[in-house]
N, C-alpha and C. Protein backbone atom coordinates (compact mmCIF):
# COMPACT_ATOMS: atom_id res chain seq x y z
N MET A 1 -7.18 8.09 10.42
CA MET A 1 -7.63 7.30 11.55
C MET A 1 -6.55 7.28 12.61
N THR A 2 -6.95 7.02 13.82
CA THR A 2 -5.99 6.93 14.91
C THR A 2 -6.10 5.56 15.54
N SER A 3 -5.18 5.26 16.42
CA SER A 3 -5.22 4.00 17.14
C SER A 3 -4.54 4.20 18.48
N GLU A 4 -4.47 3.14 19.24
CA GLU A 4 -3.77 3.21 20.50
C GLU A 4 -2.30 3.51 20.24
N PRO A 5 -1.65 4.26 21.10
CA PRO A 5 -0.24 4.55 20.91
C PRO A 5 0.59 3.27 20.87
N ALA A 6 1.68 3.33 20.14
CA ALA A 6 2.54 2.16 20.01
C ALA A 6 3.08 1.70 21.35
N SER A 7 3.26 2.63 22.29
CA SER A 7 3.81 2.25 23.58
C SER A 7 2.89 1.32 24.36
N LYS A 8 1.58 1.37 24.09
CA LYS A 8 0.65 0.49 24.79
C LYS A 8 0.57 -0.88 24.16
N GLY A 9 0.86 -0.97 22.85
CA GLY A 9 0.68 -2.23 22.16
C GLY A 9 1.96 -3.00 21.94
N GLY A 10 3.09 -2.41 22.22
CA GLY A 10 4.35 -3.10 21.97
C GLY A 10 4.80 -2.91 20.54
N ALA A 11 5.74 -3.73 20.12
CA ALA A 11 6.33 -3.61 18.79
C ALA A 11 5.35 -4.05 17.72
N ALA A 12 5.49 -3.46 16.55
CA ALA A 12 4.64 -3.86 15.42
C ALA A 12 4.89 -5.32 15.12
N GLY A 13 3.82 -6.05 14.79
CA GLY A 13 3.96 -7.46 14.49
C GLY A 13 3.70 -8.33 15.70
N GLN A 14 3.57 -7.76 16.89
CA GLN A 14 3.30 -8.51 18.10
C GLN A 14 1.87 -9.03 18.04
N GLY A 15 1.57 -10.08 18.78
CA GLY A 15 0.20 -10.53 18.87
C GLY A 15 -0.03 -11.93 18.38
N GLY A 16 0.98 -12.68 18.13
CA GLY A 16 0.80 -14.06 17.71
C GLY A 16 0.95 -14.25 16.22
N PRO A 17 0.98 -15.51 15.82
CA PRO A 17 1.27 -15.82 14.41
C PRO A 17 0.21 -15.31 13.43
N VAL A 18 -1.05 -15.31 13.81
CA VAL A 18 -2.09 -14.86 12.89
C VAL A 18 -1.92 -13.37 12.61
N PHE A 19 -1.65 -12.58 13.65
CA PHE A 19 -1.46 -11.15 13.47
C PHE A 19 -0.20 -10.87 12.65
N ARG A 20 0.87 -11.61 12.91
CA ARG A 20 2.11 -11.42 12.14
C ARG A 20 1.90 -11.81 10.69
N TRP A 21 1.18 -12.92 10.45
CA TRP A 21 0.93 -13.36 9.08
C TRP A 21 0.09 -12.33 8.32
N LEU A 22 -0.99 -11.86 8.95
CA LEU A 22 -1.87 -10.89 8.31
C LEU A 22 -1.14 -9.58 8.05
N GLU A 23 -0.36 -9.13 9.01
CA GLU A 23 0.42 -7.89 8.83
C GLU A 23 1.45 -8.07 7.72
N GLY A 24 2.12 -9.21 7.68
CA GLY A 24 3.10 -9.47 6.63
C GLY A 24 2.47 -9.52 5.25
N LEU A 25 1.32 -10.19 5.14
CA LEU A 25 0.62 -10.27 3.86
C LEU A 25 0.15 -8.88 3.42
N ASP A 26 -0.40 -8.12 4.34
CA ASP A 26 -0.86 -6.78 4.05
C ASP A 26 0.31 -5.90 3.60
N ARG A 27 1.42 -5.97 4.31
CA ARG A 27 2.60 -5.17 3.96
C ARG A 27 3.15 -5.57 2.60
N LEU A 28 3.21 -6.88 2.33
CA LEU A 28 3.71 -7.37 1.04
C LEU A 28 2.83 -6.90 -0.11
N LEU A 29 1.51 -7.05 0.04
CA LEU A 29 0.60 -6.63 -1.02
C LEU A 29 0.63 -5.12 -1.23
N ALA A 30 0.66 -4.36 -0.14
CA ALA A 30 0.70 -2.90 -0.26
C ALA A 30 2.00 -2.45 -0.91
N GLY A 31 3.10 -3.06 -0.55
CA GLY A 31 4.39 -2.70 -1.16
C GLY A 31 4.45 -3.07 -2.63
N THR A 32 3.94 -4.25 -2.96
CA THR A 32 3.91 -4.68 -4.36
C THR A 32 3.00 -3.77 -5.18
N ALA A 33 1.85 -3.44 -4.62
CA ALA A 33 0.91 -2.55 -5.31
C ALA A 33 1.53 -1.17 -5.52
N ALA A 34 2.26 -0.67 -4.53
CA ALA A 34 2.91 0.64 -4.67
C ALA A 34 3.95 0.60 -5.78
N MET A 35 4.71 -0.48 -5.87
CA MET A 35 5.71 -0.60 -6.94
C MET A 35 5.04 -0.69 -8.31
N LEU A 36 3.97 -1.48 -8.41
CA LEU A 36 3.25 -1.58 -9.68
C LEU A 36 2.63 -0.23 -10.05
N GLY A 37 2.06 0.44 -9.07
CA GLY A 37 1.48 1.76 -9.31
C GLY A 37 2.53 2.75 -9.81
N ALA A 38 3.71 2.72 -9.20
CA ALA A 38 4.79 3.60 -9.64
C ALA A 38 5.22 3.27 -11.06
N ALA A 39 5.29 1.98 -11.38
CA ALA A 39 5.65 1.57 -12.75
C ALA A 39 4.59 2.04 -13.75
N LEU A 40 3.33 1.98 -13.35
CA LEU A 40 2.26 2.46 -14.24
C LEU A 40 2.32 3.97 -14.44
N VAL A 41 2.71 4.70 -13.41
CA VAL A 41 2.85 6.15 -13.56
C VAL A 41 3.98 6.45 -14.55
N VAL A 42 5.09 5.74 -14.43
CA VAL A 42 6.20 5.94 -15.37
C VAL A 42 5.76 5.57 -16.79
N ALA A 43 5.06 4.45 -16.93
CA ALA A 43 4.57 4.04 -18.25
C ALA A 43 3.60 5.07 -18.81
N THR A 44 2.75 5.62 -17.96
CA THR A 44 1.80 6.64 -18.40
C THR A 44 2.53 7.88 -18.92
N VAL A 45 3.54 8.32 -18.19
CA VAL A 45 4.32 9.48 -18.63
C VAL A 45 4.99 9.20 -19.97
N LEU A 46 5.56 8.01 -20.12
CA LEU A 46 6.21 7.66 -21.38
C LEU A 46 5.22 7.60 -22.54
N ILE A 47 4.05 7.03 -22.31
CA ILE A 47 3.04 6.94 -23.37
C ILE A 47 2.53 8.32 -23.76
N VAL A 48 2.28 9.18 -22.78
CA VAL A 48 1.82 10.52 -23.08
C VAL A 48 2.91 11.30 -23.82
N THR A 49 4.15 11.16 -23.39
CA THR A 49 5.26 11.82 -24.08
C THR A 49 5.36 11.35 -25.52
N TYR A 50 5.25 10.06 -25.72
CA TYR A 50 5.28 9.49 -27.08
C TYR A 50 4.14 10.05 -27.91
N SER A 51 2.95 10.10 -27.34
CA SER A 51 1.78 10.60 -28.05
C SER A 51 1.94 12.06 -28.46
N VAL A 52 2.41 12.87 -27.54
CA VAL A 52 2.62 14.29 -27.83
C VAL A 52 3.69 14.45 -28.91
N PHE A 53 4.77 13.72 -28.78
CA PHE A 53 5.85 13.78 -29.77
C PHE A 53 5.34 13.39 -31.16
N MET A 54 4.60 12.30 -31.24
CA MET A 54 4.08 11.85 -32.54
C MET A 54 3.09 12.86 -33.13
N ARG A 55 2.28 13.45 -32.28
CA ARG A 55 1.27 14.39 -32.76
C ARG A 55 1.90 15.69 -33.26
N TYR A 56 2.81 16.26 -32.49
CA TYR A 56 3.31 17.59 -32.80
C TYR A 56 4.60 17.60 -33.61
N VAL A 57 5.36 16.52 -33.59
CA VAL A 57 6.58 16.48 -34.39
C VAL A 57 6.32 15.84 -35.76
N PHE A 58 5.63 14.70 -35.76
CA PHE A 58 5.39 13.98 -37.01
C PHE A 58 3.97 14.17 -37.55
N ASN A 59 3.14 14.94 -36.83
CA ASN A 59 1.76 15.18 -37.24
C ASN A 59 1.00 13.86 -37.47
N THR A 60 1.30 12.89 -36.60
CA THR A 60 0.67 11.58 -36.67
C THR A 60 0.07 11.24 -35.30
N PRO A 61 -1.17 11.66 -35.06
CA PRO A 61 -1.78 11.38 -33.75
C PRO A 61 -1.91 9.87 -33.51
N GLN A 62 -1.66 9.49 -32.29
CA GLN A 62 -1.78 8.08 -31.89
C GLN A 62 -3.13 7.91 -31.19
N THR A 63 -4.02 7.16 -31.81
CA THR A 63 -5.39 7.07 -31.31
C THR A 63 -5.54 6.17 -30.09
N TRP A 64 -4.63 5.27 -29.88
CA TRP A 64 -4.76 4.28 -28.82
C TRP A 64 -4.25 4.77 -27.47
N THR A 65 -3.46 5.85 -27.44
CA THR A 65 -2.78 6.23 -26.20
C THR A 65 -3.73 6.72 -25.12
N ASP A 66 -4.74 7.51 -25.47
CA ASP A 66 -5.65 8.04 -24.45
C ASP A 66 -6.39 6.93 -23.72
N GLU A 67 -6.84 5.95 -24.46
CA GLU A 67 -7.57 4.84 -23.85
C GLU A 67 -6.66 4.05 -22.90
N LEU A 68 -5.45 3.75 -23.36
CA LEU A 68 -4.53 2.99 -22.53
C LEU A 68 -4.14 3.76 -21.27
N VAL A 69 -3.88 5.05 -21.42
CA VAL A 69 -3.54 5.89 -20.27
C VAL A 69 -4.69 5.91 -19.27
N GLY A 70 -5.93 5.97 -19.76
CA GLY A 70 -7.09 5.93 -18.87
C GLY A 70 -7.13 4.65 -18.04
N TYR A 71 -6.87 3.52 -18.69
CA TYR A 71 -6.85 2.25 -17.97
C TYR A 71 -5.73 2.22 -16.94
N PHE A 72 -4.56 2.72 -17.32
CA PHE A 72 -3.43 2.76 -16.40
C PHE A 72 -3.74 3.63 -15.18
N LEU A 73 -4.43 4.75 -15.40
CA LEU A 73 -4.77 5.62 -14.27
C LEU A 73 -5.74 4.95 -13.31
N VAL A 74 -6.70 4.20 -13.84
CA VAL A 74 -7.63 3.47 -12.97
C VAL A 74 -6.86 2.44 -12.14
N TYR A 75 -5.97 1.69 -12.78
CA TYR A 75 -5.17 0.72 -12.05
C TYR A 75 -4.29 1.40 -11.01
N THR A 76 -3.69 2.53 -11.36
CA THR A 76 -2.83 3.25 -10.42
C THR A 76 -3.60 3.66 -9.18
N VAL A 77 -4.78 4.22 -9.37
CA VAL A 77 -5.59 4.65 -8.23
C VAL A 77 -5.99 3.45 -7.37
N MET A 78 -6.49 2.41 -8.02
CA MET A 78 -6.97 1.25 -7.25
C MET A 78 -5.84 0.51 -6.55
N LEU A 79 -4.65 0.53 -7.12
CA LEU A 79 -3.50 -0.09 -6.44
C LEU A 79 -3.06 0.73 -5.23
N GLY A 80 -3.36 2.03 -5.24
CA GLY A 80 -2.94 2.89 -4.15
C GLY A 80 -3.90 3.00 -2.99
N VAL A 81 -5.12 2.49 -3.15
CA VAL A 81 -6.14 2.65 -2.11
C VAL A 81 -5.73 1.99 -0.79
N ALA A 82 -5.30 0.74 -0.85
CA ALA A 82 -4.93 0.02 0.38
C ALA A 82 -3.67 0.60 1.00
N ALA A 83 -2.70 0.98 0.16
CA ALA A 83 -1.47 1.58 0.68
C ALA A 83 -1.77 2.89 1.39
N ALA A 84 -2.70 3.66 0.85
CA ALA A 84 -3.09 4.92 1.50
C ALA A 84 -3.74 4.65 2.86
N LEU A 85 -4.53 3.60 2.95
CA LEU A 85 -5.14 3.25 4.24
C LEU A 85 -4.05 2.86 5.24
N ARG A 86 -3.08 2.07 4.80
CA ARG A 86 -1.99 1.65 5.69
C ARG A 86 -1.23 2.85 6.23
N ARG A 87 -1.04 3.87 5.40
CA ARG A 87 -0.29 5.06 5.82
C ARG A 87 -1.16 6.06 6.58
N GLY A 88 -2.47 5.84 6.58
CA GLY A 88 -3.37 6.80 7.21
C GLY A 88 -3.56 8.05 6.37
N ASP A 89 -3.44 7.91 5.04
CA ASP A 89 -3.52 9.05 4.14
C ASP A 89 -4.93 9.38 3.67
N HIS A 90 -5.90 8.57 4.00
CA HIS A 90 -7.27 8.89 3.60
C HIS A 90 -7.78 10.05 4.43
N ILE A 91 -8.69 10.79 3.87
CA ILE A 91 -9.22 11.97 4.55
C ILE A 91 -9.98 11.54 5.81
N SER A 92 -9.69 12.22 6.89
CA SER A 92 -10.44 11.97 8.12
C SER A 92 -10.70 13.32 8.79
N VAL A 93 -11.82 13.40 9.47
CA VAL A 93 -12.18 14.62 10.17
C VAL A 93 -12.00 14.35 11.65
N ASP A 94 -11.08 15.08 12.26
CA ASP A 94 -10.80 14.82 13.67
C ASP A 94 -11.32 15.92 14.59
N LEU A 95 -12.31 16.65 14.11
CA LEU A 95 -12.90 17.72 14.91
C LEU A 95 -13.43 17.17 16.24
N LEU A 96 -14.13 16.04 16.18
CA LEU A 96 -14.68 15.44 17.40
C LEU A 96 -13.70 14.46 18.04
N THR A 97 -13.04 13.66 17.21
CA THR A 97 -12.17 12.62 17.77
C THR A 97 -10.99 13.21 18.53
N SER A 98 -10.56 14.41 18.17
CA SER A 98 -9.44 15.02 18.90
C SER A 98 -9.83 15.37 20.34
N ARG A 99 -11.13 15.46 20.59
CA ARG A 99 -11.60 15.79 21.94
C ARG A 99 -11.89 14.55 22.78
N LEU A 100 -11.80 13.38 22.14
CA LEU A 100 -12.07 12.13 22.86
C LEU A 100 -10.80 11.61 23.52
N GLY A 101 -10.99 10.77 24.50
CA GLY A 101 -9.87 10.11 25.13
C GLY A 101 -9.44 8.91 24.29
N PRO A 102 -8.43 8.19 24.74
CA PRO A 102 -7.93 7.04 23.97
C PRO A 102 -9.00 5.98 23.70
N THR A 103 -9.85 5.70 24.66
CA THR A 103 -10.89 4.68 24.46
C THR A 103 -11.90 5.15 23.42
N GLY A 104 -12.31 6.40 23.49
CA GLY A 104 -13.25 6.94 22.51
C GLY A 104 -12.67 6.94 21.11
N ARG A 105 -11.39 7.33 20.99
CA ARG A 105 -10.74 7.31 19.67
C ARG A 105 -10.63 5.88 19.14
N ARG A 106 -10.33 4.97 20.02
CA ARG A 106 -10.21 3.56 19.61
C ARG A 106 -11.55 3.04 19.11
N LEU A 107 -12.64 3.37 19.80
CA LEU A 107 -13.97 2.93 19.37
C LEU A 107 -14.35 3.56 18.02
N ILE A 108 -14.00 4.82 17.83
CA ILE A 108 -14.26 5.49 16.55
C ILE A 108 -13.44 4.82 15.44
N ASP A 109 -12.19 4.49 15.75
CA ASP A 109 -11.35 3.81 14.76
C ASP A 109 -11.92 2.45 14.38
N ILE A 110 -12.41 1.73 15.37
CA ILE A 110 -13.01 0.43 15.10
C ILE A 110 -14.24 0.60 14.21
N TRP A 111 -15.09 1.56 14.55
CA TRP A 111 -16.28 1.82 13.73
C TRP A 111 -15.87 2.23 12.31
N GLY A 112 -14.84 3.06 12.20
CA GLY A 112 -14.37 3.50 10.89
C GLY A 112 -13.89 2.34 10.03
N MET A 113 -13.14 1.41 10.62
CA MET A 113 -12.64 0.27 9.86
C MET A 113 -13.78 -0.68 9.46
N ILE A 114 -14.78 -0.80 10.34
CA ILE A 114 -15.96 -1.61 9.98
C ILE A 114 -16.67 -0.98 8.79
N ALA A 115 -16.80 0.34 8.79
CA ALA A 115 -17.44 1.03 7.67
C ALA A 115 -16.63 0.87 6.39
N VAL A 116 -15.31 0.99 6.48
CA VAL A 116 -14.44 0.80 5.30
C VAL A 116 -14.61 -0.62 4.77
N MET A 117 -14.62 -1.59 5.67
CA MET A 117 -14.77 -2.98 5.24
C MET A 117 -16.13 -3.22 4.58
N ALA A 118 -17.18 -2.62 5.12
CA ALA A 118 -18.52 -2.80 4.53
C ALA A 118 -18.58 -2.22 3.13
N VAL A 119 -18.05 -1.03 2.95
CA VAL A 119 -18.05 -0.40 1.63
C VAL A 119 -17.16 -1.19 0.67
N ALA A 120 -15.97 -1.59 1.12
CA ALA A 120 -15.06 -2.36 0.26
C ALA A 120 -15.69 -3.69 -0.15
N ALA A 121 -16.36 -4.36 0.79
CA ALA A 121 -17.01 -5.64 0.47
C ALA A 121 -18.14 -5.44 -0.54
N ALA A 122 -18.94 -4.40 -0.35
CA ALA A 122 -20.03 -4.13 -1.29
C ALA A 122 -19.49 -3.80 -2.68
N MET A 123 -18.45 -2.98 -2.73
CA MET A 123 -17.86 -2.62 -4.02
C MET A 123 -17.16 -3.81 -4.67
N LEU A 124 -16.54 -4.66 -3.87
CA LEU A 124 -15.91 -5.87 -4.40
C LEU A 124 -16.96 -6.78 -5.02
N ASP A 125 -18.06 -6.98 -4.32
CA ASP A 125 -19.14 -7.81 -4.83
C ASP A 125 -19.71 -7.24 -6.13
N SER A 126 -19.94 -5.95 -6.14
CA SER A 126 -20.45 -5.30 -7.34
C SER A 126 -19.46 -5.40 -8.50
N SER A 127 -18.19 -5.25 -8.21
CA SER A 127 -17.15 -5.36 -9.24
C SER A 127 -17.08 -6.76 -9.82
N LEU A 128 -17.21 -7.76 -8.96
CA LEU A 128 -17.21 -9.15 -9.45
C LEU A 128 -18.41 -9.41 -10.35
N ASP A 129 -19.59 -8.86 -9.97
CA ASP A 129 -20.78 -8.99 -10.82
C ASP A 129 -20.57 -8.31 -12.16
N MET A 130 -19.97 -7.12 -12.14
CA MET A 130 -19.72 -6.38 -13.37
C MET A 130 -18.79 -7.16 -14.30
N ILE A 131 -17.75 -7.75 -13.74
CA ILE A 131 -16.80 -8.53 -14.55
C ILE A 131 -17.49 -9.78 -15.11
N ALA A 132 -18.28 -10.45 -14.29
CA ALA A 132 -19.00 -11.63 -14.78
C ALA A 132 -19.91 -11.26 -15.95
N PHE A 133 -20.60 -10.12 -15.83
CA PHE A 133 -21.47 -9.68 -16.91
C PHE A 133 -20.66 -9.33 -18.16
N SER A 134 -19.58 -8.60 -17.99
CA SER A 134 -18.74 -8.22 -19.13
C SER A 134 -18.20 -9.44 -19.86
N ARG A 135 -17.81 -10.45 -19.10
CA ARG A 135 -17.31 -11.68 -19.73
C ARG A 135 -18.43 -12.45 -20.41
N MET A 136 -19.61 -12.47 -19.78
CA MET A 136 -20.74 -13.21 -20.33
C MET A 136 -21.17 -12.66 -21.69
N VAL A 137 -21.21 -11.32 -21.80
CA VAL A 137 -21.66 -10.72 -23.06
C VAL A 137 -20.52 -10.43 -24.02
N GLY A 138 -19.27 -10.69 -23.59
CA GLY A 138 -18.12 -10.44 -24.45
C GLY A 138 -17.89 -8.97 -24.71
N GLN A 139 -18.10 -8.14 -23.70
CA GLN A 139 -17.99 -6.69 -23.86
C GLN A 139 -16.55 -6.29 -24.10
N ILE A 140 -16.35 -5.46 -25.13
CA ILE A 140 -15.02 -4.90 -25.41
C ILE A 140 -15.13 -3.39 -25.40
N SER A 141 -14.01 -2.73 -25.27
CA SER A 141 -14.00 -1.26 -25.21
C SER A 141 -14.42 -0.66 -26.53
N ASP A 142 -14.95 0.55 -26.47
CA ASP A 142 -15.37 1.26 -27.68
C ASP A 142 -14.21 1.93 -28.39
N GLY A 143 -13.06 2.00 -27.73
CA GLY A 143 -11.92 2.72 -28.30
C GLY A 143 -11.16 1.91 -29.33
N TYR A 144 -10.00 2.41 -29.65
CA TYR A 144 -9.17 1.79 -30.68
C TYR A 144 -8.45 0.55 -30.19
N VAL A 145 -8.28 0.41 -28.91
CA VAL A 145 -7.56 -0.75 -28.36
C VAL A 145 -8.42 -2.01 -28.43
N GLU A 146 -9.72 -1.86 -28.27
CA GLU A 146 -10.68 -2.97 -28.28
C GLU A 146 -10.28 -4.09 -27.32
N VAL A 147 -10.02 -3.70 -26.10
CA VAL A 147 -9.65 -4.65 -25.06
C VAL A 147 -10.92 -5.21 -24.42
N PRO A 148 -10.93 -6.49 -24.06
CA PRO A 148 -12.07 -7.02 -23.30
C PRO A 148 -12.21 -6.21 -22.00
N MET A 149 -13.39 -5.72 -21.73
CA MET A 149 -13.59 -4.80 -20.61
C MET A 149 -13.33 -5.40 -19.24
N TRP A 150 -13.37 -6.73 -19.13
CA TRP A 150 -13.11 -7.31 -17.82
C TRP A 150 -11.66 -7.07 -17.40
N ILE A 151 -10.77 -6.83 -18.34
CA ILE A 151 -9.36 -6.61 -17.97
C ILE A 151 -9.19 -5.28 -17.23
N PRO A 152 -9.64 -4.14 -17.78
CA PRO A 152 -9.53 -2.92 -16.97
C PRO A 152 -10.44 -2.94 -15.73
N GLN A 153 -11.56 -3.65 -15.81
CA GLN A 153 -12.46 -3.73 -14.64
C GLN A 153 -11.83 -4.51 -13.49
N MET A 154 -10.87 -5.37 -13.78
CA MET A 154 -10.19 -6.13 -12.72
C MET A 154 -9.48 -5.21 -11.74
N ALA A 155 -9.15 -4.00 -12.17
CA ALA A 155 -8.51 -3.04 -11.26
C ALA A 155 -9.37 -2.82 -10.03
N LEU A 156 -10.69 -2.78 -10.21
CA LEU A 156 -11.60 -2.58 -9.09
C LEU A 156 -11.55 -3.75 -8.12
N VAL A 157 -11.54 -4.96 -8.66
CA VAL A 157 -11.49 -6.15 -7.82
C VAL A 157 -10.20 -6.17 -7.01
N VAL A 158 -9.09 -5.92 -7.68
CA VAL A 158 -7.78 -5.93 -7.00
C VAL A 158 -7.76 -4.86 -5.91
N GLY A 159 -8.17 -3.65 -6.25
CA GLY A 159 -8.13 -2.55 -5.29
C GLY A 159 -9.03 -2.77 -4.09
N TYR A 160 -10.27 -3.17 -4.34
CA TYR A 160 -11.20 -3.36 -3.22
C TYR A 160 -10.84 -4.57 -2.38
N ALA A 161 -10.30 -5.61 -2.98
CA ALA A 161 -9.85 -6.78 -2.20
C ALA A 161 -8.69 -6.39 -1.29
N MET A 162 -7.74 -5.62 -1.81
CA MET A 162 -6.61 -5.19 -0.98
C MET A 162 -7.08 -4.21 0.10
N LEU A 163 -8.03 -3.35 -0.22
CA LEU A 163 -8.57 -2.43 0.78
C LEU A 163 -9.27 -3.22 1.89
N LEU A 164 -10.02 -4.24 1.53
CA LEU A 164 -10.71 -5.07 2.52
C LEU A 164 -9.70 -5.76 3.43
N LEU A 165 -8.63 -6.30 2.86
CA LEU A 165 -7.58 -6.95 3.65
C LEU A 165 -6.90 -5.95 4.58
N SER A 166 -6.53 -4.79 4.06
CA SER A 166 -5.86 -3.79 4.90
C SER A 166 -6.76 -3.30 6.03
N ALA A 167 -8.04 -3.10 5.72
CA ALA A 167 -8.98 -2.65 6.76
C ALA A 167 -9.18 -3.73 7.81
N ALA A 168 -9.26 -4.99 7.39
CA ALA A 168 -9.41 -6.10 8.35
C ALA A 168 -8.18 -6.18 9.26
N ASN A 169 -7.01 -6.06 8.67
CA ASN A 169 -5.77 -6.08 9.45
C ASN A 169 -5.77 -4.95 10.46
N ARG A 170 -6.11 -3.77 10.00
CA ARG A 170 -6.12 -2.59 10.88
C ARG A 170 -7.18 -2.74 11.98
N LEU A 171 -8.36 -3.22 11.61
CA LEU A 171 -9.43 -3.42 12.59
C LEU A 171 -8.99 -4.39 13.69
N LEU A 172 -8.45 -5.52 13.30
CA LEU A 172 -8.03 -6.50 14.30
C LEU A 172 -6.93 -5.96 15.20
N ARG A 173 -5.99 -5.24 14.63
CA ARG A 173 -4.89 -4.68 15.43
C ARG A 173 -5.42 -3.63 16.41
N ILE A 174 -6.32 -2.77 15.94
CA ILE A 174 -6.90 -1.75 16.82
C ILE A 174 -7.73 -2.41 17.92
N ALA A 175 -8.52 -3.41 17.55
CA ALA A 175 -9.43 -4.06 18.50
C ALA A 175 -8.69 -4.72 19.65
N VAL A 176 -7.51 -5.29 19.38
CA VAL A 176 -6.77 -5.97 20.45
C VAL A 176 -5.70 -5.09 21.07
N GLY A 177 -5.60 -3.84 20.59
CA GLY A 177 -4.65 -2.91 21.20
C GLY A 177 -3.25 -2.97 20.64
N LEU A 178 -3.07 -3.62 19.50
CA LEU A 178 -1.75 -3.63 18.87
C LEU A 178 -1.56 -2.35 18.07
N PRO A 179 -0.32 -1.94 17.87
CA PRO A 179 -0.10 -0.72 17.08
C PRO A 179 -0.46 -0.96 15.62
N VAL A 180 -0.92 0.09 14.99
CA VAL A 180 -1.23 0.05 13.56
C VAL A 180 0.01 0.55 12.85
N THR A 181 0.46 -0.20 11.84
CA THR A 181 1.68 0.16 11.17
C THR A 181 1.42 0.82 9.83
N SER A 182 2.36 1.62 9.41
CA SER A 182 2.28 2.30 8.12
C SER A 182 2.84 1.38 7.05
N ALA A 183 2.81 1.83 5.80
CA ALA A 183 3.31 1.04 4.67
C ALA A 183 4.79 0.72 4.85
N GLY A 184 5.53 1.59 5.52
CA GLY A 184 6.95 1.36 5.73
C GLY A 184 7.24 0.43 6.90
N GLY A 185 6.19 -0.06 7.58
CA GLY A 185 6.38 -0.97 8.70
C GLY A 185 6.59 -0.27 10.02
N HIS A 186 6.42 1.06 10.07
CA HIS A 186 6.62 1.81 11.30
C HIS A 186 5.27 2.03 11.99
N ALA A 187 5.28 2.02 13.30
CA ALA A 187 4.04 2.24 14.04
C ALA A 187 3.55 3.65 13.81
N VAL A 188 2.24 3.78 13.63
CA VAL A 188 1.63 5.09 13.43
C VAL A 188 1.41 5.70 14.80
N GLU A 189 1.97 6.87 15.02
CA GLU A 189 1.77 7.58 16.28
C GLU A 189 0.47 8.35 16.22
N THR A 190 -0.25 8.37 17.31
CA THR A 190 -1.55 9.03 17.30
C THR A 190 -1.64 10.21 18.25
N ASP A 191 -0.84 10.25 19.25
CA ASP A 191 -0.96 11.34 20.24
C ASP A 191 0.24 12.25 20.19
């Protein structure tokens, strides 16, 4: 996605206390999620290494590792969704937008963030329903870990809630002409 150039909107964080608060909360959550995601990747590598070692050195396969690694991967992806939006790392097609002027690109960006928010809100609602159902029926995993399914399903709630917050922050900043910042707090250049 693109936005108005930073030179038109001033320094990141400008725009009053609400914009600074929302940007700070978004940055804090995205940074925390990135650290948790990185820790989960390290844990995943360690668990897979342990599993391979036990299987091929001691001929003792560990039945629980695949299930746990699967849950960790879901959490890793969902924790990274909002951070990817902040960095502008999601796939975008700029075949048409590259031919538009700043106002046209800004309107496309606004429409894009509205679409992201609509999808994130729908998925968040659906995820909350799924968790409520899983808790109501006491659903547990079919694997060896036998974890209550609402625990791995919470990854969806966390990810979509953070995506909704990041998209709202980005939408408001684009709409009022403030620069959109990346996960590192730097203004995203568009031109």
